[in-house]
Amino acid sequence: MSVPTLLQGPVQKLAFTTHVESTAIAANEAPGRTVTVRLCASANCWYLVSQAGTAATTSNGTYLPASVVEYIRVPNLAIISVVQDSAGGNFSITTMQDVSTP
């Protein structure tokens, strides 16, 4: 099994605090398919991927420690929301482009 080669695409940076911030993975970035995104935060946080824009909380989200890079697959038009764990920070969402040859 080969590992796909990924190039960095558009980056979205969100400042987060006790208030939830959210963003959408645009349809033109992934028409009708899923994409890989890279997540990283400057402070411990919780994130949630949803189609309906459900807000991330410490009880429904996935924990992401500060400075840890995580790659996840999300469908186009997905909304990623984030909320702080104990302190605010910055949350980066980077759309990765698959440049593998079939």
N, C-alpha and C. Protein backbone atom coordinates (compact mmCIF):
# COMPACT_ATOMS: atom_id res chain seq x y z
N MET A 1 0.85 -1.18 0.00
CA MET A 1 0.00 0.00 0.00
C MET A 1 0.89 1.23 0.00
N SER A 2 0.62 2.13 -0.92
CA SER A 2 1.43 3.34 -0.99
C SER A 2 0.80 4.45 -0.16
N VAL A 3 1.66 5.30 0.35
CA VAL A 3 1.21 6.43 1.14
C VAL A 3 1.06 7.62 0.20
N PRO A 4 -0.07 8.33 0.24
CA PRO A 4 -0.24 9.45 -0.67
C PRO A 4 0.74 10.58 -0.37
N THR A 5 1.13 11.26 -1.41
CA THR A 5 1.97 12.43 -1.27
C THR A 5 1.05 13.64 -1.14
N LEU A 6 1.27 14.43 -0.11
CA LEU A 6 0.40 15.58 0.14
C LEU A 6 1.19 16.88 0.07
N LEU A 7 0.61 17.87 -0.57
CA LEU A 7 1.17 19.22 -0.58
C LEU A 7 0.26 20.13 0.20
N GLN A 8 0.83 21.11 0.83
CA GLN A 8 0.04 22.07 1.61
C GLN A 8 -0.78 22.95 0.69
N GLY A 9 -2.05 23.09 1.03
CA GLY A 9 -2.96 23.95 0.30
C GLY A 9 -3.30 25.17 1.15
N PRO A 10 -4.52 25.67 1.02
CA PRO A 10 -4.93 26.86 1.77
C PRO A 10 -4.89 26.64 3.28
N VAL A 11 -4.53 27.68 4.01
CA VAL A 11 -4.45 27.63 5.47
C VAL A 11 -5.48 28.61 6.05
N GLN A 12 -6.22 28.13 7.05
CA GLN A 12 -7.13 29.01 7.79
C GLN A 12 -6.64 29.06 9.23
N LYS A 13 -6.50 30.26 9.76
CA LYS A 13 -6.05 30.43 11.15
C LYS A 13 -7.18 31.05 11.94
N LEU A 14 -7.55 30.39 13.04
CA LEU A 14 -8.63 30.87 13.89
C LEU A 14 -8.08 31.16 15.27
N ALA A 15 -8.41 32.31 15.81
CA ALA A 15 -8.10 32.59 17.21
C ALA A 15 -9.26 32.04 18.03
N PHE A 16 -8.96 31.25 19.07
CA PHE A 16 -10.04 30.69 19.86
C PHE A 16 -9.89 31.07 21.32
N THR A 17 -11.04 31.17 21.98
CA THR A 17 -11.11 31.48 23.41
C THR A 17 -12.24 30.62 23.96
N THR A 18 -12.93 31.13 24.94
CA THR A 18 -14.07 30.39 25.48
C THR A 18 -15.20 30.32 24.46
N HIS A 19 -15.15 31.20 23.47
CA HIS A 19 -16.17 31.19 22.42
C HIS A 19 -15.73 30.25 21.30
N VAL A 20 -16.69 29.57 20.71
CA VAL A 20 -16.40 28.63 19.64
C VAL A 20 -16.25 29.38 18.32
N GLU A 21 -15.25 29.02 17.56
CA GLU A 21 -15.05 29.54 16.22
C GLU A 21 -15.27 28.38 15.26
N SER A 22 -15.70 28.66 14.05
CA SER A 22 -15.89 27.56 13.10
C SER A 22 -15.55 28.01 11.70
N THR A 23 -15.30 27.06 10.84
CA THR A 23 -14.96 27.34 9.46
C THR A 23 -15.45 26.19 8.60
N ALA A 24 -15.64 26.45 7.35
CA ALA A 24 -16.10 25.40 6.44
C ALA A 24 -14.99 25.04 5.46
N ILE A 25 -14.93 23.76 5.12
CA ILE A 25 -14.07 23.30 4.04
C ILE A 25 -14.88 23.52 2.76
N ALA A 26 -14.45 24.42 1.94
CA ALA A 26 -15.25 24.85 0.79
C ALA A 26 -15.45 23.76 -0.24
N ALA A 27 -16.59 23.80 -0.89
CA ALA A 27 -16.92 22.81 -1.92
C ALA A 27 -15.94 22.86 -3.08
N ASN A 28 -15.44 24.07 -3.42
CA ASN A 28 -14.51 24.16 -4.55
C ASN A 28 -13.14 23.58 -4.22
N GLU A 29 -12.86 23.35 -2.93
CA GLU A 29 -11.59 22.72 -2.55
C GLU A 29 -11.70 21.20 -2.66
N ALA A 30 -12.93 20.67 -2.59
CA ALA A 30 -13.12 19.23 -2.61
C ALA A 30 -14.48 18.89 -3.21
N PRO A 31 -14.67 19.14 -4.49
CA PRO A 31 -16.00 18.90 -5.05
C PRO A 31 -16.41 17.43 -4.95
N GLY A 32 -17.41 17.16 -4.11
CA GLY A 32 -17.98 15.83 -4.00
C GLY A 32 -17.10 14.77 -3.38
N ARG A 33 -16.08 15.14 -2.62
CA ARG A 33 -15.20 14.13 -2.04
C ARG A 33 -14.67 14.58 -0.68
N THR A 34 -13.90 13.73 -0.08
CA THR A 34 -13.28 14.10 1.18
C THR A 34 -11.88 14.64 0.94
N VAL A 35 -11.39 15.40 1.88
CA VAL A 35 -10.04 15.94 1.80
C VAL A 35 -9.32 15.67 3.11
N THR A 36 -8.01 15.71 3.04
CA THR A 36 -7.19 15.61 4.23
C THR A 36 -6.89 17.02 4.70
N VAL A 37 -7.06 17.25 6.00
CA VAL A 37 -6.69 18.54 6.57
C VAL A 37 -5.71 18.31 7.71
N ARG A 38 -4.83 19.26 7.88
CA ARG A 38 -3.86 19.22 8.97
C ARG A 38 -4.32 20.22 10.02
N LEU A 39 -4.40 19.75 11.27
CA LEU A 39 -4.83 20.59 12.38
C LEU A 39 -3.68 20.78 13.35
N CYS A 40 -3.54 21.97 13.88
CA CYS A 40 -2.53 22.25 14.90
C CYS A 40 -2.99 23.47 15.68
N ALA A 41 -2.72 23.47 16.98
CA ALA A 41 -3.14 24.59 17.82
C ALA A 41 -1.99 25.01 18.73
N SER A 42 -2.00 26.28 19.11
CA SER A 42 -0.95 26.80 19.99
C SER A 42 -1.27 26.57 21.46
N ALA A 43 -2.50 26.16 21.75
CA ALA A 43 -2.92 25.85 23.13
C ALA A 43 -3.83 24.62 23.08
N ASN A 44 -3.94 23.91 24.19
CA ASN A 44 -4.82 22.74 24.25
C ASN A 44 -6.24 23.15 23.88
N CYS A 45 -6.89 22.33 23.05
CA CYS A 45 -8.25 22.66 22.62
C CYS A 45 -9.03 21.39 22.29
N TRP A 46 -10.28 21.59 21.94
CA TRP A 46 -11.20 20.53 21.52
C TRP A 46 -11.77 20.94 20.18
N TYR A 47 -11.82 20.02 19.20
CA TYR A 47 -12.41 20.35 17.90
C TYR A 47 -13.48 19.32 17.55
N LEU A 48 -14.38 19.73 16.66
CA LEU A 48 -15.46 18.87 16.21
C LEU A 48 -15.70 19.12 14.73
N VAL A 49 -15.84 18.04 13.97
CA VAL A 49 -16.17 18.13 12.55
C VAL A 49 -17.64 17.75 12.40
N SER A 50 -18.40 18.61 11.73
CA SER A 50 -19.82 18.30 11.52
C SER A 50 -20.28 18.91 10.20
N GLN A 51 -21.40 18.45 9.73
CA GLN A 51 -22.02 19.02 8.53
C GLN A 51 -23.01 20.12 8.92
N ALA A 52 -23.49 20.07 10.17
CA ALA A 52 -24.54 20.99 10.59
C ALA A 52 -24.01 22.21 11.34
N GLY A 53 -22.73 22.29 11.56
CA GLY A 53 -22.16 23.42 12.29
C GLY A 53 -22.33 23.32 13.79
N THR A 54 -22.39 22.10 14.30
CA THR A 54 -22.50 21.89 15.74
C THR A 54 -21.25 22.44 16.42
N ALA A 55 -21.42 23.17 17.50
CA ALA A 55 -20.30 23.78 18.21
C ALA A 55 -19.52 22.73 19.00
N ALA A 56 -18.20 22.83 18.95
CA ALA A 56 -17.34 21.94 19.73
C ALA A 56 -17.45 22.29 21.21
N THR A 57 -17.46 21.26 22.05
CA THR A 57 -17.43 21.45 23.50
C THR A 57 -16.41 20.46 24.06
N THR A 58 -16.13 20.57 25.32
CA THR A 58 -15.20 19.63 25.95
C THR A 58 -15.83 18.25 26.11
N SER A 59 -17.13 18.12 25.89
CA SER A 59 -17.76 16.81 26.02
C SER A 59 -18.07 16.14 24.68
N ASN A 60 -18.15 16.90 23.58
CA ASN A 60 -18.43 16.26 22.29
C ASN A 60 -17.26 16.33 21.31
N GLY A 61 -16.22 17.06 21.66
CA GLY A 61 -15.10 17.26 20.75
C GLY A 61 -13.97 16.26 20.93
N THR A 62 -13.01 16.35 20.04
CA THR A 62 -11.79 15.56 20.10
C THR A 62 -10.69 16.45 20.65
N TYR A 63 -9.98 15.96 21.64
CA TYR A 63 -8.94 16.75 22.30
C TYR A 63 -7.71 16.85 21.41
N LEU A 64 -7.16 18.04 21.29
CA LEU A 64 -5.92 18.27 20.54
C LEU A 64 -4.97 19.05 21.43
N PRO A 65 -3.89 18.39 21.88
CA PRO A 65 -2.91 19.09 22.73
C PRO A 65 -2.16 20.17 21.93
N ALA A 66 -1.66 21.15 22.62
CA ALA A 66 -0.89 22.22 22.00
C ALA A 66 0.30 21.67 21.23
N SER A 67 0.55 22.24 20.06
CA SER A 67 1.70 21.94 19.21
C SER A 67 1.72 20.53 18.62
N VAL A 68 0.64 19.78 18.76
CA VAL A 68 0.54 18.46 18.14
C VAL A 68 -0.11 18.64 16.77
N VAL A 69 0.46 18.01 15.75
CA VAL A 69 -0.10 18.08 14.41
C VAL A 69 -0.94 16.83 14.19
N GLU A 70 -2.17 17.04 13.73
CA GLU A 70 -3.07 15.91 13.48
C GLU A 70 -3.62 16.04 12.07
N TYR A 71 -3.64 14.91 11.35
CA TYR A 71 -4.22 14.86 10.01
C TYR A 71 -5.52 14.09 10.10
N ILE A 72 -6.59 14.67 9.53
CA ILE A 72 -7.87 13.98 9.51
C ILE A 72 -8.49 14.11 8.12
N ARG A 73 -9.41 13.21 7.80
CA ARG A 73 -10.15 13.27 6.53
C ARG A 73 -11.52 13.85 6.83
N VAL A 74 -11.94 14.81 6.02
CA VAL A 74 -13.25 15.43 6.20
C VAL A 74 -13.94 15.56 4.85
N PRO A 75 -15.28 15.48 4.85
CA PRO A 75 -16.01 15.69 3.59
C PRO A 75 -16.03 17.17 3.23
N ASN A 76 -16.20 17.44 1.91
CA ASN A 76 -16.32 18.85 1.53
C ASN A 76 -17.55 19.44 2.21
N LEU A 77 -17.53 20.71 2.43
CA LEU A 77 -18.56 21.48 3.14
C LEU A 77 -18.63 21.15 4.63
N ALA A 78 -17.67 20.39 5.13
CA ALA A 78 -17.63 20.11 6.57
C ALA A 78 -17.27 21.39 7.32
N ILE A 79 -17.78 21.47 8.52
CA ILE A 79 -17.49 22.62 9.38
C ILE A 79 -16.68 22.11 10.56
N ILE A 80 -15.55 22.75 10.81
CA ILE A 80 -14.69 22.39 11.94
C ILE A 80 -14.81 23.50 12.96
N SER A 81 -15.26 23.14 14.16
CA SER A 81 -15.36 24.13 15.22
C SER A 81 -14.35 23.79 16.30
N VAL A 82 -13.96 24.81 17.06
CA VAL A 82 -12.91 24.62 18.07
C VAL A 82 -13.25 25.46 19.30
N VAL A 83 -12.88 24.94 20.46
CA VAL A 83 -13.06 25.66 21.71
C VAL A 83 -11.83 25.39 22.58
N GLN A 84 -11.46 26.34 23.39
CA GLN A 84 -10.28 26.19 24.24
C GLN A 84 -10.49 25.13 25.31
N ASP A 85 -9.39 24.57 25.80
CA ASP A 85 -9.45 23.67 26.95
C ASP A 85 -9.35 24.52 28.22
N SER A 86 -8.23 25.21 28.41
CA SER A 86 -8.10 26.06 29.60
C SER A 86 -7.58 27.46 29.28
N ALA A 87 -7.06 27.65 28.09
CA ALA A 87 -6.56 28.97 27.68
C ALA A 87 -6.76 29.14 26.18
N GLY A 88 -6.93 30.35 25.74
CA GLY A 88 -7.12 30.63 24.33
C GLY A 88 -5.83 30.46 23.54
N GLY A 89 -5.96 30.42 22.23
CA GLY A 89 -4.79 30.27 21.37
C GLY A 89 -5.19 30.39 19.92
N ASN A 90 -4.35 29.89 19.04
CA ASN A 90 -4.61 29.89 17.60
C ASN A 90 -4.73 28.46 17.11
N PHE A 91 -5.65 28.25 16.18
CA PHE A 91 -5.95 26.94 15.62
C PHE A 91 -5.77 27.05 14.12
N SER A 92 -4.92 26.22 13.54
CA SER A 92 -4.67 26.26 12.09
C SER A 92 -5.29 25.04 11.43
N ILE A 93 -5.99 25.30 10.33
CA ILE A 93 -6.56 24.24 9.49
C ILE A 93 -5.91 24.40 8.12
N THR A 94 -5.18 23.40 7.69
CA THR A 94 -4.50 23.44 6.41
C THR A 94 -5.07 22.36 5.52
N THR A 95 -5.63 22.75 4.38
CA THR A 95 -6.13 21.77 3.42
C THR A 95 -4.93 21.19 2.68
N MET A 96 -4.85 19.87 2.66
CA MET A 96 -3.74 19.21 2.01
C MET A 96 -4.19 18.71 0.64
N GLN A 97 -3.33 18.84 -0.35
CA GLN A 97 -3.65 18.43 -1.71
C GLN A 97 -2.92 17.13 -2.01
N ASP A 98 -3.67 16.12 -2.45
CA ASP A 98 -3.09 14.83 -2.80
C ASP A 98 -2.48 14.93 -4.19
N VAL A 99 -1.17 14.75 -4.26
CA VAL A 99 -0.48 14.83 -5.55
C VAL A 99 0.12 13.48 -5.94
N SER A 100 -0.42 12.42 -5.38
CA SER A 100 0.07 11.07 -5.69
C SER A 100 -0.29 10.72 -7.13
N THR A 101 0.54 9.88 -7.72
CA THR A 101 0.20 9.36 -9.03
C THR A 101 -0.51 8.03 -8.85
N PRO A 102 -1.55 7.77 -9.64
CA PRO A 102 -2.31 6.52 -9.45
C PRO A 102 -1.48 5.29 -9.74
